[in-house]
């Protein structure tokens, strides 16, 4: 059985949500993480979220919300072509997730 790659993100109130990393897609020389919450209640609609993978001033990878509509649509279309429409991509900045989070890979 293949192990899922997961990360934990924190919202503005410090509440943590664990996400499965469905994949990484490269669009116009940028990498984007496609994430889906592991919490069953949050994952009822099979909704995935897009974060751009950036590097902070310390050289650490951080996830940044995609606020530009054109960038968001380009990534959504690229992911949906790869995943064959298995997930609906939600506009992440409508959620209460901080716009930059460290990537914490957890292997179980």
C-alpha atoms as a PDB file:
ATOM      1  CA  UNK A   1       0.000   0.000   0.000  1.00  0.00           C
ATOM      2  CA  UNK A   2       1.370   3.389  -0.994  1.00  0.00           C
ATOM      3  CA  UNK A   3       1.902   5.867   1.848  1.00  0.00           C
ATOM      4  CA  UNK A   4       0.239   9.254   1.541  1.00  0.00           C
ATOM      5  CA  UNK A   5       2.394  12.367   1.734  1.00  0.00           C
ATOM      6  CA  UNK A   6       0.747  14.760   4.167  1.00  0.00           C
ATOM      7  CA  UNK A   7       1.342  18.257   5.499  1.00  0.00           C
ATOM      8  CA  UNK A   8      -0.269  20.221   8.312  1.00  0.00           C
ATOM      9  CA  UNK A   9      -1.428  23.803   7.794  1.00  0.00           C
ATOM     10  CA  UNK A  10      -2.664  26.225  10.457  1.00  0.00           C
ATOM     11  CA  UNK A  11      -5.491  28.725  10.053  1.00  0.00           C
ATOM     12  CA  UNK A  12      -5.592  32.232  11.535  1.00  0.00           C
ATOM     13  CA  UNK A  13      -6.897  30.875  14.868  1.00  0.00           C
ATOM     14  CA  UNK A  14      -4.098  28.301  15.078  1.00  0.00           C
ATOM     15  CA  UNK A  15      -6.371  25.379  14.224  1.00  0.00           C
ATOM     16  CA  UNK A  16      -4.496  22.712  12.329  1.00  0.00           C
ATOM     17  CA  UNK A  17      -5.740  20.855   9.289  1.00  0.00           C
ATOM     18  CA  UNK A  18      -3.926  17.899   7.811  1.00  0.00           C
ATOM     19  CA  UNK A  19      -3.826  17.673   4.022  1.00  0.00           C
ATOM     20  CA  UNK A  20      -2.840  14.947   1.614  1.00  0.00           C
ATOM     21  CA  UNK A  21      -0.518  16.153  -1.129  1.00  0.00           C
ATOM     22  CA  UNK A  22      -2.202  14.894  -4.281  1.00  0.00           C
ATOM     23  CA  UNK A  23       0.576  16.136  -6.480  1.00  0.00           C
ATOM     24  CA  UNK A  24       2.802  18.915  -7.655  1.00  0.00           C
ATOM     25  CA  UNK A  25       2.160  20.594 -10.991  1.00  0.00           C
ATOM     26  CA  UNK A  26       4.559  22.944 -12.791  1.00  0.00           C
ATOM     27  CA  UNK A  27       3.021  25.885 -14.658  1.00  0.00           C
ATOM     28  CA  UNK A  28       5.111  28.643 -16.217  1.00  0.00           C
ATOM     29  CA  UNK A  29       8.243  27.687 -14.249  1.00  0.00           C
ATOM     30  CA  UNK A  30       6.451  27.670 -10.872  1.00  0.00           C
ATOM     31  CA  UNK A  31       5.567  24.604  -8.816  1.00  0.00           C
ATOM     32  CA  UNK A  32       2.140  24.307  -7.204  1.00  0.00           C
ATOM     33  CA  UNK A  33       0.980  21.877  -4.530  1.00  0.00           C
ATOM     34  CA  UNK A  34      -2.463  20.359  -4.963  1.00  0.00           C
ATOM     35  CA  UNK A  35      -3.834  19.522  -1.516  1.00  0.00           C
ATOM     36  CA  UNK A  36      -6.967  17.832  -0.214  1.00  0.00           C
ATOM     37  CA  UNK A  37      -8.000  17.877   3.477  1.00  0.00           C
ATOM     38  CA  UNK A  38      -7.823  14.516   5.242  1.00  0.00           C
ATOM     39  CA  UNK A  39     -10.682  15.419   7.596  1.00  0.00           C
ATOM     40  CA  UNK A  40     -13.704  13.535   6.274  1.00  0.00           C
ATOM     41  CA  UNK A  41     -16.099  16.406   7.022  1.00  0.00           C
ATOM     42  CA  UNK A  42     -13.969  18.846   5.028  1.00  0.00           C
ATOM     43  CA  UNK A  43     -13.424  16.374   2.195  1.00  0.00           C
ATOM     44  CA  UNK A  44     -17.027  15.428   1.460  1.00  0.00           C
ATOM     45  CA  UNK A  45     -17.057  17.181  -1.904  1.00  0.00           C
ATOM     46  CA  UNK A  46     -13.640  15.879  -2.996  1.00  0.00           C
ATOM     47  CA  UNK A  47     -12.367  19.471  -3.102  1.00  0.00           C
ATOM     48  CA  UNK A  48      -8.689  20.188  -3.673  1.00  0.00           C
ATOM     49  CA  UNK A  49      -6.764  23.400  -3.032  1.00  0.00           C
ATOM     50  CA  UNK A  50      -3.882  25.072  -4.881  1.00  0.00           C
ATOM     51  CA  UNK A  51      -0.820  26.628  -3.216  1.00  0.00           C
ATOM     52  CA  UNK A  52       2.265  27.987  -5.001  1.00  0.00           C
ATOM     53  CA  UNK A  53       5.516  26.595  -3.590  1.00  0.00           C
ATOM     54  CA  UNK A  54       7.840  29.528  -2.899  1.00  0.00           C
ATOM     55  CA  UNK A  55      11.135  29.881  -1.052  1.00  0.00           C
ATOM     56  CA  UNK A  56      11.407  32.252   1.906  1.00  0.00           C
ATOM     57  CA  UNK A  57      14.414  34.373   2.906  1.00  0.00           C
ATOM     58  CA  UNK A  58      15.849  31.416   4.880  1.00  0.00           C
ATOM     59  CA  UNK A  59      15.706  29.096   1.878  1.00  0.00           C
ATOM     60  CA  UNK A  60      12.770  27.114   3.295  1.00  0.00           C
ATOM     61  CA  UNK A  61       9.860  26.112   1.097  1.00  0.00           C
ATOM     62  CA  UNK A  62       6.579  27.825   1.965  1.00  0.00           C
ATOM     63  CA  UNK A  63       3.085  27.523   0.557  1.00  0.00           C
ATOM     64  CA  UNK A  64       1.564  30.744  -0.739  1.00  0.00           C
ATOM     65  CA  UNK A  65      -2.058  31.215  -1.692  1.00  0.00           C
ATOM     66  CA  UNK A  66      -2.675  31.988  -5.345  1.00  0.00           C
ATOM     67  CA  UNK A  67      -4.576  35.278  -5.499  1.00  0.00           C
ATOM     68  CA  UNK A  68      -4.234  36.059  -9.212  1.00  0.00           C
ATOM     69  CA  UNK A  69      -7.269  34.710 -11.103  1.00  0.00           C
ATOM     70  CA  UNK A  70      -5.318  34.000 -14.304  1.00  0.00           C
ATOM     71  CA  UNK A  71      -2.588  32.123 -12.435  1.00  0.00           C
ATOM     72  CA  UNK A  72      -5.198  30.168 -10.484  1.00  0.00           C
ATOM     73  CA  UNK A  73      -7.102  29.165 -13.629  1.00  0.00           C
ATOM     74  CA  UNK A  74      -3.899  28.094 -15.438  1.00  0.00           C
ATOM     75  CA  UNK A  75      -2.942  25.815 -12.541  1.00  0.00           C
ATOM     76  CA  UNK A  76      -6.488  24.481 -12.147  1.00  0.00           C
ATOM     77  CA  UNK A  77      -6.665  23.599 -15.835  1.00  0.00           C
ATOM     78  CA  UNK A  78      -3.236  21.925 -15.761  1.00  0.00           C
ATOM     79  CA  UNK A  79      -4.164  19.862 -12.701  1.00  0.00           C
ATOM     80  CA  UNK A  80      -7.573  18.864 -14.028  1.00  0.00           C
ATOM     81  CA  UNK A  81      -5.950  17.686 -17.270  1.00  0.00           C
ATOM     82  CA  UNK A  82      -3.586  15.488 -15.241  1.00  0.00           C
ATOM     83  CA  UNK A  83      -6.137  14.238 -12.689  1.00  0.00           C
ATOM     84  CA  UNK A  84      -8.942  13.799 -15.220  1.00  0.00           C
ATOM     85  CA  UNK A  85     -11.337  15.837 -13.065  1.00  0.00           C
ATOM     86  CA  UNK A  86     -11.200  13.648  -9.951  1.00  0.00           C
ATOM     87  CA  UNK A  87     -11.293  16.725  -7.692  1.00  0.00           C
ATOM     88  CA  UNK A  88     -12.891  20.163  -7.814  1.00  0.00           C
ATOM     89  CA  UNK A  89     -10.322  22.872  -7.160  1.00  0.00           C
ATOM     90  CA  UNK A  90     -11.493  25.506  -4.678  1.00  0.00           C
ATOM     91  CA  UNK A  91     -10.290  29.082  -4.554  1.00  0.00           C
ATOM     92  CA  UNK A  92      -8.092  28.813  -1.466  1.00  0.00           C
ATOM     93  CA  UNK A  93      -8.235  32.445  -0.425  1.00  0.00           C
ATOM     94  CA  UNK A  94     -11.914  31.984   0.314  1.00  0.00           C
ATOM     95  CA  UNK A  95     -10.805  29.683   3.149  1.00  0.00           C
ATOM     96  CA  UNK A  96      -9.329  30.654   6.515  1.00  0.00           C
ATOM     97  CA  UNK A  97      -5.867  29.230   5.820  1.00  0.00           C
ATOM     98  CA  UNK A  98      -2.830  31.457   6.349  1.00  0.00           C
ATOM     99  CA  UNK A  99      -1.314  32.550   3.053  1.00  0.00           C
ATOM    100  CA  UNK A 100       2.179  31.281   3.872  1.00  0.00           C
ATOM    101  CA  UNK A 101       2.841  28.050   5.734  1.00  0.00           C
ATOM    102  CA  UNK A 102       5.949  25.931   6.123  1.00  0.00           C
ATOM    103  CA  UNK A 103       5.788  22.603   4.358  1.00  0.00           C
ATOM    104  CA  UNK A 104       5.997  19.921   7.048  1.00  0.00           C
ATOM    105  CA  UNK A 105       6.163  16.526   5.385  1.00  0.00           C
ATOM    106  CA  UNK A 106       4.881  13.803   7.644  1.00  0.00           C
ATOM    107  CA  UNK A 107       5.413  10.177   6.780  1.00  0.00           C
ATOM    108  CA  UNK A 108       3.305   7.638   8.573  1.00  0.00           C
END
